[in-house]
All heavy atoms as atom14 arrays in JSON, in Angstrom:
{
  "sequence": "VVTAIEQVLAPVAVVIQAEGGGRSLEGLAEVPRQVVRGRLDGPVVVEE",
  "atom14_mask": [
    [1, 1, 1, 1, 1, 1, 1, 0, 0, 0, 0, 0, 0, 0],
    [1, 1, 1, 1, 1, 1, 1, 0, 0, 0, 0, 0, 0, 0],
    [1, 1, 1, 1, 1, 1, 1, 0, 0, 0, 0, 0, 0, 0],
    [1, 1, 1, 1, 1, 0, 0, 0, 0, 0, 0, 0, 0, 0],
    [1, 1, 1, 1, 1, 1, 1, 1, 0, 0, 0, 0, 0, 0],
    [1, 1, 1, 1, 1, 1, 1, 1, 1, 0, 0, 0, 0, 0],
    [1, 1, 1, 1, 1, 1, 1, 1, 1, 0, 0, 0, 0, 0],
    [1, 1, 1, 1, 1, 1, 1, 0, 0, 0, 0, 0, 0, 0],
    [1, 1, 1, 1, 1, 1, 1, 1, 0, 0, 0, 0, 0, 0],
    [1, 1, 1, 1, 1, 0, 0, 0, 0, 0, 0, 0, 0, 0],
    [1, 1, 1, 1, 1, 1, 1, 0, 0, 0, 0, 0, 0, 0],
    [1, 1, 1, 1, 1, 1, 1, 0, 0, 0, 0, 0, 0, 0],
    [1, 1, 1, 1, 1, 0, 0, 0, 0, 0, 0, 0, 0, 0],
    [1, 1, 1, 1, 1, 1, 1, 0, 0, 0, 0, 0, 0, 0],
    [1, 1, 1, 1, 1, 1, 1, 0, 0, 0, 0, 0, 0, 0],
    [1, 1, 1, 1, 1, 1, 1, 1, 0, 0, 0, 0, 0, 0],
    [1, 1, 1, 1, 1, 1, 1, 1, 1, 0, 0, 0, 0, 0],
    [1, 1, 1, 1, 1, 0, 0, 0, 0, 0, 0, 0, 0, 0],
    [1, 1, 1, 1, 1, 1, 1, 1, 1, 0, 0, 0, 0, 0],
    [1, 1, 1, 1, 0, 0, 0, 0, 0, 0, 0, 0, 0, 0],
    [1, 1, 1, 1, 0, 0, 0, 0, 0, 0, 0, 0, 0, 0],
    [1, 1, 1, 1, 0, 0, 0, 0, 0, 0, 0, 0, 0, 0],
    [1, 1, 1, 1, 1, 1, 1, 1, 1, 1, 1, 0, 0, 0],
    [1, 1, 1, 1, 1, 1, 0, 0, 0, 0, 0, 0, 0, 0],
    [1, 1, 1, 1, 1, 1, 1, 1, 0, 0, 0, 0, 0, 0],
    [1, 1, 1, 1, 1, 1, 1, 1, 1, 0, 0, 0, 0, 0],
    [1, 1, 1, 1, 0, 0, 0, 0, 0, 0, 0, 0, 0, 0],
    [1, 1, 1, 1, 1, 1, 1, 1, 0, 0, 0, 0, 0, 0],
    [1, 1, 1, 1, 1, 0, 0, 0, 0, 0, 0, 0, 0, 0],
    [1, 1, 1, 1, 1, 1, 1, 1, 1, 0, 0, 0, 0, 0],
    [1, 1, 1, 1, 1, 1, 1, 0, 0, 0, 0, 0, 0, 0],
    [1, 1, 1, 1, 1, 1, 1, 0, 0, 0, 0, 0, 0, 0],
    [1, 1, 1, 1, 1, 1, 1, 1, 1, 1, 1, 0, 0, 0],
    [1, 1, 1, 1, 1, 1, 1, 1, 1, 0, 0, 0, 0, 0],
    [1, 1, 1, 1, 1, 1, 1, 0, 0, 0, 0, 0, 0, 0],
    [1, 1, 1, 1, 1, 1, 1, 0, 0, 0, 0, 0, 0, 0],
    [1, 1, 1, 1, 1, 1, 1, 1, 1, 1, 1, 0, 0, 0],
    [1, 1, 1, 1, 0, 0, 0, 0, 0, 0, 0, 0, 0, 0],
    [1, 1, 1, 1, 1, 1, 1, 1, 1, 1, 1, 0, 0, 0],
    [1, 1, 1, 1, 1, 1, 1, 1, 0, 0, 0, 0, 0, 0],
    [1, 1, 1, 1, 1, 1, 1, 1, 0, 0, 0, 0, 0, 0],
    [1, 1, 1, 1, 0, 0, 0, 0, 0, 0, 0, 0, 0, 0],
    [1, 1, 1, 1, 1, 1, 1, 0, 0, 0, 0, 0, 0, 0],
    [1, 1, 1, 1, 1, 1, 1, 0, 0, 0, 0, 0, 0, 0],
    [1, 1, 1, 1, 1, 1, 1, 0, 0, 0, 0, 0, 0, 0],
    [1, 1, 1, 1, 1, 1, 1, 0, 0, 0, 0, 0, 0, 0],
    [1, 1, 1, 1, 1, 1, 1, 1, 1, 0, 0, 0, 0, 0],
    [1, 1, 1, 1, 1, 1, 1, 1, 1, 0, 0, 0, 0, 0]
  ],
  "atom14_positions": [
    [[174.44, 8.21, 140.45], [173.38, 9.1, 139.96], [173.87, 9.88, 138.72], [173.19, 9.96, 137.71], [172.9, 10.05, 141.06], [172.03, 11.17, 140.49], [172.18, 9.28, 142.15], [0.0, 0.0, 0.0], [0.0, 0.0, 0.0], [0.0, 0.0, 0.0], [0.0, 0.0, 0.0], [0.0, 0.0, 0.0], [0.0, 0.0, 0.0], [0.0, 0.0, 0.0]],
    [[175.05, 10.45, 138.84], [175.57, 11.25, 137.75], [175.82, 10.38, 136.51], [175.5, 10.76, 135.38], [176.9, 11.94, 138.16], [177.52, 12.68, 136.97], [176.61, 12.97, 139.29], [0.0, 0.0, 0.0], [0.0, 0.0, 0.0], [0.0, 0.0, 0.0], [0.0, 0.0, 0.0], [0.0, 0.0, 0.0], [0.0, 0.0, 0.0], [0.0, 0.0, 0.0]],
    [[176.37, 9.21, 136.71], [176.57, 8.28, 135.59], [175.28, 7.93, 134.92], [175.16, 7.89, 133.68], [177.28, 7.0, 136.08], [178.56, 7.34, 136.63], [177.49, 6.01, 134.95], [0.0, 0.0, 0.0], [0.0, 0.0, 0.0], [0.0, 0.0, 0.0], [0.0, 0.0, 0.0], [0.0, 0.0, 0.0], [0.0, 0.0, 0.0], [0.0, 0.0, 0.0]],
    [[174.23, 7.66, 135.69], [172.93, 7.3, 135.14], [172.35, 8.47, 134.36], [171.77, 8.29, 133.27], [171.98, 6.91, 136.26], [0.0, 0.0, 0.0], [0.0, 0.0, 0.0], [0.0, 0.0, 0.0], [0.0, 0.0, 0.0], [0.0, 0.0, 0.0], [0.0, 0.0, 0.0], [0.0, 0.0, 0.0], [0.0, 0.0, 0.0], [0.0, 0.0, 0.0]],
    [[172.49, 9.69, 134.87], [172.01, 10.86, 134.15], [172.7, 10.99, 132.8], [172.04, 11.25, 131.77], [172.25, 12.13, 134.99], [171.3, 12.16, 136.2], [172.05, 13.42, 134.19], [171.57, 13.24, 137.23], [0.0, 0.0, 0.0], [0.0, 0.0, 0.0], [0.0, 0.0, 0.0], [0.0, 0.0, 0.0], [0.0, 0.0, 0.0], [0.0, 0.0, 0.0]],
    [[174.02, 10.78, 132.81], [174.75, 10.87, 131.53], [174.3, 9.8, 130.55], [174.17, 10.06, 129.36], [176.26, 10.75, 131.82], [176.81, 11.95, 132.57], [178.32, 11.81, 132.79], [178.76, 10.76, 133.26], [179.04, 12.76, 132.49], [0.0, 0.0, 0.0], [0.0, 0.0, 0.0], [0.0, 0.0, 0.0], [0.0, 0.0, 0.0], [0.0, 0.0, 0.0]],
    [[174.06, 8.59, 131.05], [173.63, 7.49, 130.17], [172.28, 7.76, 129.55], [172.06, 7.5, 128.37], [173.59, 6.2, 130.96], [174.93, 5.61, 131.37], [174.79, 4.38, 132.23], [173.68, 3.95, 132.55], [175.91, 3.81, 132.63], [0.0, 0.0, 0.0], [0.0, 0.0, 0.0], [0.0, 0.0, 0.0], [0.0, 0.0, 0.0], [0.0, 0.0, 0.0]],
    [[171.36, 8.28, 130.33], [169.98, 8.43, 129.87], [169.73, 9.73, 129.13], [168.99, 9.78, 128.14], [169.0, 8.3, 131.05], [167.55, 8.53, 130.64], [169.14, 6.91, 131.7], [0.0, 0.0, 0.0], [0.0, 0.0, 0.0], [0.0, 0.0, 0.0], [0.0, 0.0, 0.0], [0.0, 0.0, 0.0], [0.0, 0.0, 0.0], [0.0, 0.0, 0.0]],
    [[170.33, 10.83, 129.56], [170.01, 12.15, 129.08], [171.12, 12.81, 128.27], [170.84, 13.73, 127.49], [169.62, 13.05, 130.23], [168.42, 12.64, 131.09], [168.22, 13.58, 132.24], [167.16, 12.57, 130.23], [0.0, 0.0, 0.0], [0.0, 0.0, 0.0], [0.0, 0.0, 0.0], [0.0, 0.0, 0.0], [0.0, 0.0, 0.0], [0.0, 0.0, 0.0]],
    [[172.37, 12.4, 128.49], [173.51, 13.02, 127.8], [173.46, 14.55, 127.89], [173.56, 15.23, 126.84], [173.6, 12.55, 126.34], [0.0, 0.0, 0.0], [0.0, 0.0, 0.0], [0.0, 0.0, 0.0], [0.0, 0.0, 0.0], [0.0, 0.0, 0.0], [0.0, 0.0, 0.0], [0.0, 0.0, 0.0], [0.0, 0.0, 0.0], [0.0, 0.0, 0.0]],
    [[173.34, 15.14, 129.05], [173.29, 16.61, 129.17], [174.65, 17.25, 128.92], [175.69, 16.59, 128.98], [172.84, 16.82, 130.6], [173.4, 15.65, 131.32], [173.35, 14.5, 130.39], [0.0, 0.0, 0.0], [0.0, 0.0, 0.0], [0.0, 0.0, 0.0], [0.0, 0.0, 0.0], [0.0, 0.0, 0.0], [0.0, 0.0, 0.0], [0.0, 0.0, 0.0]],
    [[174.61, 18.57, 128.66], [175.88, 19.29, 128.51], [176.48, 19.63, 129.87], [177.7, 19.89, 129.97], [175.72, 20.57, 127.69], [175.21, 20.22, 126.29], [174.77, 21.57, 128.36], [0.0, 0.0, 0.0], [0.0, 0.0, 0.0], [0.0, 0.0, 0.0], [0.0, 0.0, 0.0], [0.0, 0.0, 0.0], [0.0, 0.0, 0.0], [0.0, 0.0, 0.0]],
    [[175.66, 19.62, 130.92], [176.17, 19.9, 132.25], [175.28, 19.24, 133.3], [174.05, 19.1, 133.11], [176.23, 21.42, 132.52], [0.0, 0.0, 0.0], [0.0, 0.0, 0.0], [0.0, 0.0, 0.0], [0.0, 0.0, 0.0], [0.0, 0.0, 0.0], [0.0, 0.0, 0.0], [0.0, 0.0, 0.0], [0.0, 0.0, 0.0], [0.0, 0.0, 0.0]],
    [[175.9, 18.81, 134.4], [175.2, 18.24, 135.54], [175.6, 18.99, 136.8], [176.8, 19.13, 137.06], [175.5, 16.75, 135.74], [174.76, 16.19, 136.96], [175.12, 15.96, 134.48], [0.0, 0.0, 0.0], [0.0, 0.0, 0.0], [0.0, 0.0, 0.0], [0.0, 0.0, 0.0], [0.0, 0.0, 0.0], [0.0, 0.0, 0.0], [0.0, 0.0, 0.0]],
    [[174.62, 19.47, 137.54], [174.86, 20.2, 138.78], [174.39, 19.34, 139.94], [173.28, 18.77, 139.9], [174.1, 21.56, 138.8], [174.31, 22.28, 140.13], [174.54, 22.44, 137.63], [0.0, 0.0, 0.0], [0.0, 0.0, 0.0], [0.0, 0.0, 0.0], [0.0, 0.0, 0.0], [0.0, 0.0, 0.0], [0.0, 0.0, 0.0], [0.0, 0.0, 0.0]],
    [[175.21, 19.23, 140.97], [174.81, 18.55, 142.2], [174.46, 19.58, 143.23], [175.25, 20.5, 143.51], [175.93, 17.61, 142.72], [176.13, 16.43, 141.79], [175.62, 17.17, 144.15], [174.95, 15.44, 141.79], [0.0, 0.0, 0.0], [0.0, 0.0, 0.0], [0.0, 0.0, 0.0], [0.0, 0.0, 0.0], [0.0, 0.0, 0.0], [0.0, 0.0, 0.0]],
    [[173.26, 19.46, 143.79], [172.79, 20.34, 144.87], [172.66, 19.52, 146.12], [171.87, 18.56, 146.19], [171.47, 20.98, 144.47], [171.13, 22.25, 145.27], [170.14, 22.0, 146.39], [170.28, 21.02, 147.1], [169.23, 22.91, 146.58], [0.0, 0.0, 0.0], [0.0, 0.0, 0.0], [0.0, 0.0, 0.0], [0.0, 0.0, 0.0], [0.0, 0.0, 0.0]],
    [[173.46, 19.83, 147.12], [173.45, 19.06, 148.38], [173.28, 20.03, 149.57], [174.14, 20.13, 150.46], [174.71, 18.25, 148.52], [0.0, 0.0, 0.0], [0.0, 0.0, 0.0], [0.0, 0.0, 0.0], [0.0, 0.0, 0.0], [0.0, 0.0, 0.0], [0.0, 0.0, 0.0], [0.0, 0.0, 0.0], [0.0, 0.0, 0.0], [0.0, 0.0, 0.0]],
    [[172.17, 20.81, 149.51], [171.87, 21.79, 150.53], [170.46, 21.54, 151.03], [169.74, 20.72, 150.49], [171.97, 23.21, 149.93], [173.29, 23.52, 149.27], [173.24, 24.8, 148.46], [172.14, 25.14, 147.97], [174.28, 25.43, 148.29], [0.0, 0.0, 0.0], [0.0, 0.0, 0.0], [0.0, 0.0, 0.0], [0.0, 0.0, 0.0], [0.0, 0.0, 0.0]],
    [[170.09, 22.26, 152.08], [168.72, 22.18, 152.56], [168.62, 21.53, 153.94], [169.45, 20.69, 154.29], [0.0, 0.0, 0.0], [0.0, 0.0, 0.0], [0.0, 0.0, 0.0], [0.0, 0.0, 0.0], [0.0, 0.0, 0.0], [0.0, 0.0, 0.0], [0.0, 0.0, 0.0], [0.0, 0.0, 0.0], [0.0, 0.0, 0.0], [0.0, 0.0, 0.0]],
    [[167.57, 21.94, 154.66], [167.39, 21.48, 156.03], [167.18, 19.99, 156.13], [167.46, 19.4, 157.18], [0.0, 0.0, 0.0], [0.0, 0.0, 0.0], [0.0, 0.0, 0.0], [0.0, 0.0, 0.0], [0.0, 0.0, 0.0], [0.0, 0.0, 0.0], [0.0, 0.0, 0.0], [0.0, 0.0, 0.0], [0.0, 0.0, 0.0], [0.0, 0.0, 0.0]],
    [[166.63, 19.36, 155.1], [166.39, 17.92, 155.19], [167.67, 17.12, 155.38], [167.63, 16.04, 155.96], [0.0, 0.0, 0.0], [0.0, 0.0, 0.0], [0.0, 0.0, 0.0], [0.0, 0.0, 0.0], [0.0, 0.0, 0.0], [0.0, 0.0, 0.0], [0.0, 0.0, 0.0], [0.0, 0.0, 0.0], [0.0, 0.0, 0.0], [0.0, 0.0, 0.0]],
    [[168.79, 17.61, 154.91], [170.05, 16.85, 155.05], [170.45, 16.79, 156.51], [171.05, 15.79, 156.93], [171.14, 17.54, 154.22], [170.98, 17.31, 152.72], [172.02, 18.03, 151.92], [173.39, 17.59, 152.25], [174.01, 16.57, 151.67], [173.38, 15.83, 150.74], [175.24, 16.26, 152.0], [0.0, 0.0, 0.0], [0.0, 0.0, 0.0], [0.0, 0.0, 0.0]],
    [[170.16, 17.81, 157.28], [170.55, 17.77, 158.71], [169.83, 16.66, 159.43], [170.38, 16.05, 160.37], [170.25, 19.11, 159.37], [168.87, 19.38, 159.39], [0.0, 0.0, 0.0], [0.0, 0.0, 0.0], [0.0, 0.0, 0.0], [0.0, 0.0, 0.0], [0.0, 0.0, 0.0], [0.0, 0.0, 0.0], [0.0, 0.0, 0.0], [0.0, 0.0, 0.0]],
    [[168.58, 16.31, 159.01], [167.87, 15.21, 159.62], [168.52, 13.88, 159.34], [168.27, 12.88, 160.04], [166.43, 15.17, 159.11], [165.59, 16.44, 159.39], [164.21, 16.31, 158.75], [165.45, 16.68, 160.91], [0.0, 0.0, 0.0], [0.0, 0.0, 0.0], [0.0, 0.0, 0.0], [0.0, 0.0, 0.0], [0.0, 0.0, 0.0], [0.0, 0.0, 0.0]],
    [[169.35, 13.84, 158.31], [170.08, 12.62, 157.95], [171.5, 12.65, 158.5], [172.3, 11.74, 158.2], [170.12, 12.49, 156.43], [168.8, 12.16, 155.8], [168.55, 10.65, 155.81], [169.39, 9.88, 155.29], [167.51, 10.21, 156.31], [0.0, 0.0, 0.0], [0.0, 0.0, 0.0], [0.0, 0.0, 0.0], [0.0, 0.0, 0.0], [0.0, 0.0, 0.0]],
    [[171.84, 13.7, 159.26], [173.18, 13.82, 159.79], [174.18, 14.24, 158.74], [175.4, 14.0, 158.88], [0.0, 0.0, 0.0], [0.0, 0.0, 0.0], [0.0, 0.0, 0.0], [0.0, 0.0, 0.0], [0.0, 0.0, 0.0], [0.0, 0.0, 0.0], [0.0, 0.0, 0.0], [0.0, 0.0, 0.0], [0.0, 0.0, 0.0], [0.0, 0.0, 0.0]],
    [[173.73, 14.93, 157.69], [174.58, 15.33, 156.59], [174.88, 16.82, 156.61], [173.98, 17.61, 156.96], [173.92, 14.99, 155.23], [173.61, 13.53, 154.97], [172.77, 13.41, 153.69], [174.91, 12.72, 154.84], [0.0, 0.0, 0.0], [0.0, 0.0, 0.0], [0.0, 0.0, 0.0], [0.0, 0.0, 0.0], [0.0, 0.0, 0.0], [0.0, 0.0, 0.0]],
    [[176.06, 17.19, 156.25], [176.44, 18.6, 156.14], [175.95, 19.14, 154.79], [175.75, 18.38, 153.84], [177.92, 18.76, 156.27], [0.0, 0.0, 0.0], [0.0, 0.0, 0.0], [0.0, 0.0, 0.0], [0.0, 0.0, 0.0], [0.0, 0.0, 0.0], [0.0, 0.0, 0.0], [0.0, 0.0, 0.0], [0.0, 0.0, 0.0], [0.0, 0.0, 0.0]],
    [[175.75, 20.44, 154.72], [175.44, 21.06, 153.44], [176.75, 21.27, 152.68], [177.76, 21.62, 153.25], [174.74, 22.4, 153.67], [173.34, 22.24, 154.28], [172.52, 23.5, 154.15], [172.86, 24.33, 153.3], [171.56, 23.65, 154.9], [0.0, 0.0, 0.0], [0.0, 0.0, 0.0], [0.0, 0.0, 0.0], [0.0, 0.0, 0.0], [0.0, 0.0, 0.0]],
    [[176.66, 21.02, 151.38], [177.84, 21.12, 150.52], [177.54, 22.13, 149.43], [176.43, 22.11, 148.84], [178.17, 19.76, 149.88], [179.37, 19.88, 148.96], [178.38, 18.71, 150.97], [0.0, 0.0, 0.0], [0.0, 0.0, 0.0], [0.0, 0.0, 0.0], [0.0, 0.0, 0.0], [0.0, 0.0, 0.0], [0.0, 0.0, 0.0], [0.0, 0.0, 0.0]],
    [[178.42, 23.06, 149.14], [178.19, 24.04, 148.08], [177.88, 23.36, 146.76], [178.43, 22.29, 146.42], [179.48, 24.83, 148.0], [180.11, 24.68, 149.34], [179.73, 23.3, 149.82], [0.0, 0.0, 0.0], [0.0, 0.0, 0.0], [0.0, 0.0, 0.0], [0.0, 0.0, 0.0], [0.0, 0.0, 0.0], [0.0, 0.0, 0.0], [0.0, 0.0, 0.0]],
    [[176.96, 23.94, 146.01], [176.6, 23.36, 144.7], [177.82, 23.37, 143.79], [178.65, 24.24, 143.84], [175.49, 24.17, 144.06], [174.18, 24.08, 144.79], [173.14, 24.96, 144.13], [172.42, 25.71, 145.14], [171.35, 26.42, 144.89], [170.91, 26.51, 143.67], [170.74, 27.06, 145.86], [0.0, 0.0, 0.0], [0.0, 0.0, 0.0], [0.0, 0.0, 0.0]],
    [[177.85, 22.37, 142.94], [178.97, 22.29, 142.01], [178.56, 21.65, 140.7], [177.65, 20.82, 140.64], [180.13, 21.48, 142.62], [179.74, 20.1, 143.13], [180.9, 19.4, 143.75], [182.04, 19.45, 143.27], [180.64, 18.67, 144.85], [0.0, 0.0, 0.0], [0.0, 0.0, 0.0], [0.0, 0.0, 0.0], [0.0, 0.0, 0.0], [0.0, 0.0, 0.0]],
    [[179.2, 22.12, 139.66], [179.03, 21.51, 138.34], [179.98, 20.33, 138.26], [181.21, 20.49, 138.26], [179.32, 22.52, 137.22], [179.09, 21.86, 135.85], [178.45, 23.77, 137.37], [0.0, 0.0, 0.0], [0.0, 0.0, 0.0], [0.0, 0.0, 0.0], [0.0, 0.0, 0.0], [0.0, 0.0, 0.0], [0.0, 0.0, 0.0], [0.0, 0.0, 0.0]],
    [[179.41, 19.11, 138.22], [180.29, 17.91, 138.29], [180.55, 17.32, 136.91], [181.42, 16.46, 136.75], [179.66, 16.84, 139.19], [179.62, 17.33, 140.64], [178.27, 16.44, 138.75], [0.0, 0.0, 0.0], [0.0, 0.0, 0.0], [0.0, 0.0, 0.0], [0.0, 0.0, 0.0], [0.0, 0.0, 0.0], [0.0, 0.0, 0.0], [0.0, 0.0, 0.0]],
    [[179.78, 17.75, 135.94], [180.06, 17.34, 134.54], [179.82, 18.54, 133.65], [178.85, 19.29, 133.83], [179.13, 16.21, 134.09], [179.31, 14.9, 134.84], [180.65, 14.23, 134.48], [180.71, 12.88, 135.01], [181.08, 12.57, 136.26], [181.41, 13.52, 137.08], [181.11, 11.29, 136.62], [0.0, 0.0, 0.0], [0.0, 0.0, 0.0], [0.0, 0.0, 0.0]],
    [[180.66, 18.75, 132.65], [180.5, 19.83, 131.71], [180.81, 21.16, 132.38], [181.54, 21.26, 133.36], [0.0, 0.0, 0.0], [0.0, 0.0, 0.0], [0.0, 0.0, 0.0], [0.0, 0.0, 0.0], [0.0, 0.0, 0.0], [0.0, 0.0, 0.0], [0.0, 0.0, 0.0], [0.0, 0.0, 0.0], [0.0, 0.0, 0.0], [0.0, 0.0, 0.0]],
    [[180.22, 22.22, 131.85], [180.41, 23.57, 132.4], [179.13, 24.35, 132.28], [178.27, 24.05, 131.45], [181.56, 24.29, 131.68], [181.4, 24.46, 130.2], [182.57, 25.19, 129.59], [182.61, 26.58, 130.1], [183.59, 27.45, 129.76], [184.56, 27.05, 128.99], [183.55, 28.68, 130.23], [0.0, 0.0, 0.0], [0.0, 0.0, 0.0], [0.0, 0.0, 0.0]],
    [[179.03, 25.36, 133.12], [177.82, 26.2, 133.14], [178.27, 27.64, 133.16], [179.01, 28.08, 134.07], [177.04, 25.87, 134.41], [175.58, 26.32, 134.49], [174.78, 25.73, 133.34], [174.98, 25.86, 135.82], [0.0, 0.0, 0.0], [0.0, 0.0, 0.0], [0.0, 0.0, 0.0], [0.0, 0.0, 0.0], [0.0, 0.0, 0.0], [0.0, 0.0, 0.0]],
    [[177.82, 28.39, 132.17], [178.2, 29.79, 132.07], [176.97, 30.69, 132.34], [176.27, 31.06, 131.42], [178.76, 30.1, 130.69], [180.03, 29.29, 130.41], [180.88, 29.2, 131.31], [180.16, 28.76, 129.29], [0.0, 0.0, 0.0], [0.0, 0.0, 0.0], [0.0, 0.0, 0.0], [0.0, 0.0, 0.0], [0.0, 0.0, 0.0], [0.0, 0.0, 0.0]],
    [[176.71, 30.94, 133.58], [175.63, 31.83, 133.97], [174.27, 31.13, 133.99], [174.16, 29.9, 133.9], [0.0, 0.0, 0.0], [0.0, 0.0, 0.0], [0.0, 0.0, 0.0], [0.0, 0.0, 0.0], [0.0, 0.0, 0.0], [0.0, 0.0, 0.0], [0.0, 0.0, 0.0], [0.0, 0.0, 0.0], [0.0, 0.0, 0.0], [0.0, 0.0, 0.0]],
    [[173.17, 31.88, 134.14], [171.84, 31.34, 134.2], [171.47, 30.59, 132.93], [172.01, 30.84, 131.85], [170.97, 32.6, 134.38], [171.88, 33.66, 134.94], [173.22, 33.37, 134.33], [0.0, 0.0, 0.0], [0.0, 0.0, 0.0], [0.0, 0.0, 0.0], [0.0, 0.0, 0.0], [0.0, 0.0, 0.0], [0.0, 0.0, 0.0], [0.0, 0.0, 0.0]],
    [[170.54, 29.65, 133.08], [170.08, 28.86, 131.93], [168.67, 29.27, 131.57], [167.92, 29.81, 132.37], [170.14, 27.34, 132.25], [171.54, 26.94, 132.63], [169.15, 26.96, 133.35], [0.0, 0.0, 0.0], [0.0, 0.0, 0.0], [0.0, 0.0, 0.0], [0.0, 0.0, 0.0], [0.0, 0.0, 0.0], [0.0, 0.0, 0.0], [0.0, 0.0, 0.0]],
    [[168.29, 28.97, 130.35], [166.93, 29.25, 129.85], [165.97, 28.19, 130.32], [166.29, 26.97, 130.31], [166.94, 29.34, 128.32], [165.54, 29.34, 127.76], [167.69, 30.59, 127.88], [0.0, 0.0, 0.0], [0.0, 0.0, 0.0], [0.0, 0.0, 0.0], [0.0, 0.0, 0.0], [0.0, 0.0, 0.0], [0.0, 0.0, 0.0], [0.0, 0.0, 0.0]],
    [[164.77, 28.61, 130.71], [163.66, 27.72, 131.02], [162.5, 28.11, 130.1], [162.14, 29.28, 130.0], [163.2, 27.84, 132.48], [162.02, 26.92, 132.74], [164.34, 27.53, 133.43], [0.0, 0.0, 0.0], [0.0, 0.0, 0.0], [0.0, 0.0, 0.0], [0.0, 0.0, 0.0], [0.0, 0.0, 0.0], [0.0, 0.0, 0.0], [0.0, 0.0, 0.0]],
    [[161.9, 27.12, 129.41], [160.72, 27.38, 128.61], [159.52, 26.82, 129.34], [159.48, 25.63, 129.67], [160.86, 26.71, 127.23], [161.97, 27.28, 126.39], [162.05, 26.62, 125.0], [160.97, 26.2, 124.5], [163.15, 26.5, 124.47], [0.0, 0.0, 0.0], [0.0, 0.0, 0.0], [0.0, 0.0, 0.0], [0.0, 0.0, 0.0], [0.0, 0.0, 0.0]],
    [[158.55, 27.69, 129.6], [157.37, 27.25, 130.36], [156.13, 27.95, 129.85], [156.09, 29.2, 129.79], [157.56, 27.54, 131.85], [156.41, 27.05, 132.71], [156.63, 27.32, 134.2], [157.48, 26.63, 134.78], [156.01, 28.25, 134.73], [0.0, 0.0, 0.0], [0.0, 0.0, 0.0], [0.0, 0.0, 0.0], [0.0, 0.0, 0.0], [0.0, 0.0, 0.0]]
  ]
}
């Protein structure tokens, strides 16, 4: 997934979020969020 994101979007950072109640239905533990590519310095801007 991360490789595909990099190929298609070339972002400066990729965050993986592996939390939420739906994971327990799959027998999965919750994992703290992490920046797996690049770096993230604080909140990001959203234009809406």
